[in-house]
Amino acid sequence: MAGFNDIIHQPSRLQIMAALVSLRSSEKADFAYLKKLLDLTDGNLGAHLTRLEEAGYIKIEKTFIARKPRTFINITGKGRDAFTEHIGTLKEIIESKGRQNE
């Protein structure tokens, strides 16, 4: 079996990665958007984003817009590859269970 990824597999991080992988490579997600979409607290989302950033799966950009701090997140190529591999592994598990039940 290929790459079951313990970093991505955690439910909140899996949801973050799924939201980010759905964007075009040039697009970024706003911290507030992810927070609302996933119903996470600032601290919880921040901790998960830090873990994903440390793994090289996402890039975090902090900036100011109209004097207000804004945080934008986008997925890296390494992150896309890791997510694709992880999802492929989950599909393999599902398919093998289906074959066992035949």
Protein backbone atom coordinates (compact mmCIF):
# COMPACT_ATOMS: atom_id res chain seq x y z
CA MET A 1 0.00 0.00 0.00
CA ALA A 2 1.31 3.44 -0.91
CA GLY A 3 1.40 6.44 1.39
CA PHE A 4 -0.89 6.59 4.37
CA ASN A 5 -0.03 10.02 5.74
CA ASP A 6 -0.35 10.50 9.51
CA ILE A 7 -0.02 14.28 9.22
CA ILE A 8 -2.86 14.62 6.73
CA HIS A 9 -5.01 11.87 8.20
CA GLN A 10 -5.98 13.87 11.31
CA PRO A 11 -9.62 14.90 10.57
CA SER A 12 -9.21 18.69 10.73
CA ARG A 13 -6.01 18.63 8.67
CA LEU A 14 -7.65 16.33 6.12
CA GLN A 15 -10.48 18.86 5.79
CA ILE A 16 -8.02 21.76 5.47
CA MET A 17 -6.09 19.94 2.76
CA ALA A 18 -9.29 19.00 0.91
CA ALA A 19 -10.41 22.64 0.95
CA LEU A 20 -7.02 23.83 -0.31
CA VAL A 21 -6.57 21.17 -2.99
CA SER A 22 -9.91 22.23 -4.49
CA LEU A 23 -8.43 25.66 -5.28
CA ARG A 24 -6.52 26.48 -8.44
CA SER A 25 -2.76 26.54 -7.88
CA SER A 26 -2.76 30.35 -8.08
CA GLU A 27 -5.55 30.75 -5.49
CA LYS A 28 -5.22 31.18 -1.74
CA ALA A 29 -7.71 30.63 1.07
CA ASP A 30 -8.27 33.25 3.73
CA PHE A 31 -7.83 32.16 7.36
CA ALA A 32 -11.29 33.46 8.25
CA TYR A 33 -12.83 31.51 5.36
CA LEU A 34 -11.23 28.24 6.51
CA LYS A 35 -12.18 28.93 10.13
CA LYS A 36 -15.84 29.37 9.18
CA LEU A 37 -15.89 26.54 6.63
CA LEU A 38 -14.44 24.02 9.06
CA ASP A 39 -15.99 25.41 12.25
CA LEU A 40 -12.67 25.63 14.08
CA THR A 41 -11.40 28.10 16.66
CA ASP A 42 -8.54 30.46 15.82
CA GLY A 43 -6.15 28.50 18.00
CA ASN A 44 -7.18 25.11 16.70
CA LEU A 45 -6.95 26.16 13.05
CA GLY A 46 -3.64 27.91 13.69
CA ALA A 47 -2.14 24.81 15.30
CA HIS A 48 -3.19 22.60 12.39
CA LEU A 49 -1.89 25.09 9.84
CA THR A 50 1.45 25.25 11.64
CA ARG A 51 1.75 21.47 11.51
CA LEU A 52 0.96 21.42 7.78
CA GLU A 53 3.37 24.28 7.13
CA GLU A 54 6.18 22.52 9.03
CA ALA A 55 5.62 19.49 6.79
CA GLY A 56 5.94 21.72 3.72
CA TYR A 57 2.38 21.02 2.60
CA ILE A 58 1.11 24.59 2.77
CA LYS A 59 2.47 28.11 2.60
CA ILE A 60 1.15 30.79 4.95
CA GLU A 61 1.30 34.45 3.96
CA LYS A 62 0.55 37.16 6.51
CA THR A 63 -0.21 40.63 5.23
CA PHE A 64 -2.20 43.77 5.98
CA ILE A 65 -5.19 44.92 3.97
CA ALA A 66 -6.63 48.31 4.89
CA ARG A 67 -4.51 48.21 8.06
CA LYS A 68 -6.04 44.90 9.15
CA PRO A 69 -3.99 41.73 9.44
CA ARG A 70 -4.94 38.99 6.99
CA THR A 71 -3.60 35.48 6.64
CA PHE A 72 -3.73 33.58 3.37
CA ILE A 73 -2.96 29.92 2.87
CA ASN A 74 -2.19 27.95 -0.24
CA ILE A 75 -1.19 24.38 -0.86
CA THR A 76 2.29 23.59 -2.14
CA GLY A 77 3.16 21.08 -4.85
CA LYS A 78 4.47 18.78 -2.13
CA GLY A 79 1.14 19.17 -0.32
CA ARG A 80 -0.89 18.34 -3.44
CA ASP A 81 1.23 15.25 -4.02
CA ALA A 82 0.94 14.11 -0.40
CA PHE A 83 -2.83 14.65 -0.39
CA THR A 84 -3.27 12.77 -3.68
CA GLU A 85 -1.18 9.88 -2.41
CA HIS A 86 -3.09 9.77 0.89
CA ILE A 87 -6.47 9.76 -0.87
CA GLY A 88 -5.18 7.04 -3.20
CA THR A 89 -4.26 4.93 -0.19
CA LEU A 90 -7.73 5.42 1.32
CA LYS A 91 -9.29 4.36 -2.00
CA GLU A 92 -7.11 1.23 -2.04
CA ILE A 93 -8.33 0.35 1.45
CA ILE A 94 -11.97 0.84 0.43
CA GLU A 95 -11.56 -1.18 -2.76
CA SER A 96 -9.76 -4.04 -0.99
CA LYS A 97 -12.53 -4.23 1.60
CA GLY A 98 -15.09 -4.34 -1.21
CA ARG A 99 -13.25 -7.24 -2.88
CA GLN A 100 -13.12 -9.13 0.43
CA ASN A 101 -16.90 -8.88 0.74
CA GLU A 102 -17.54 -10.40 -2.71
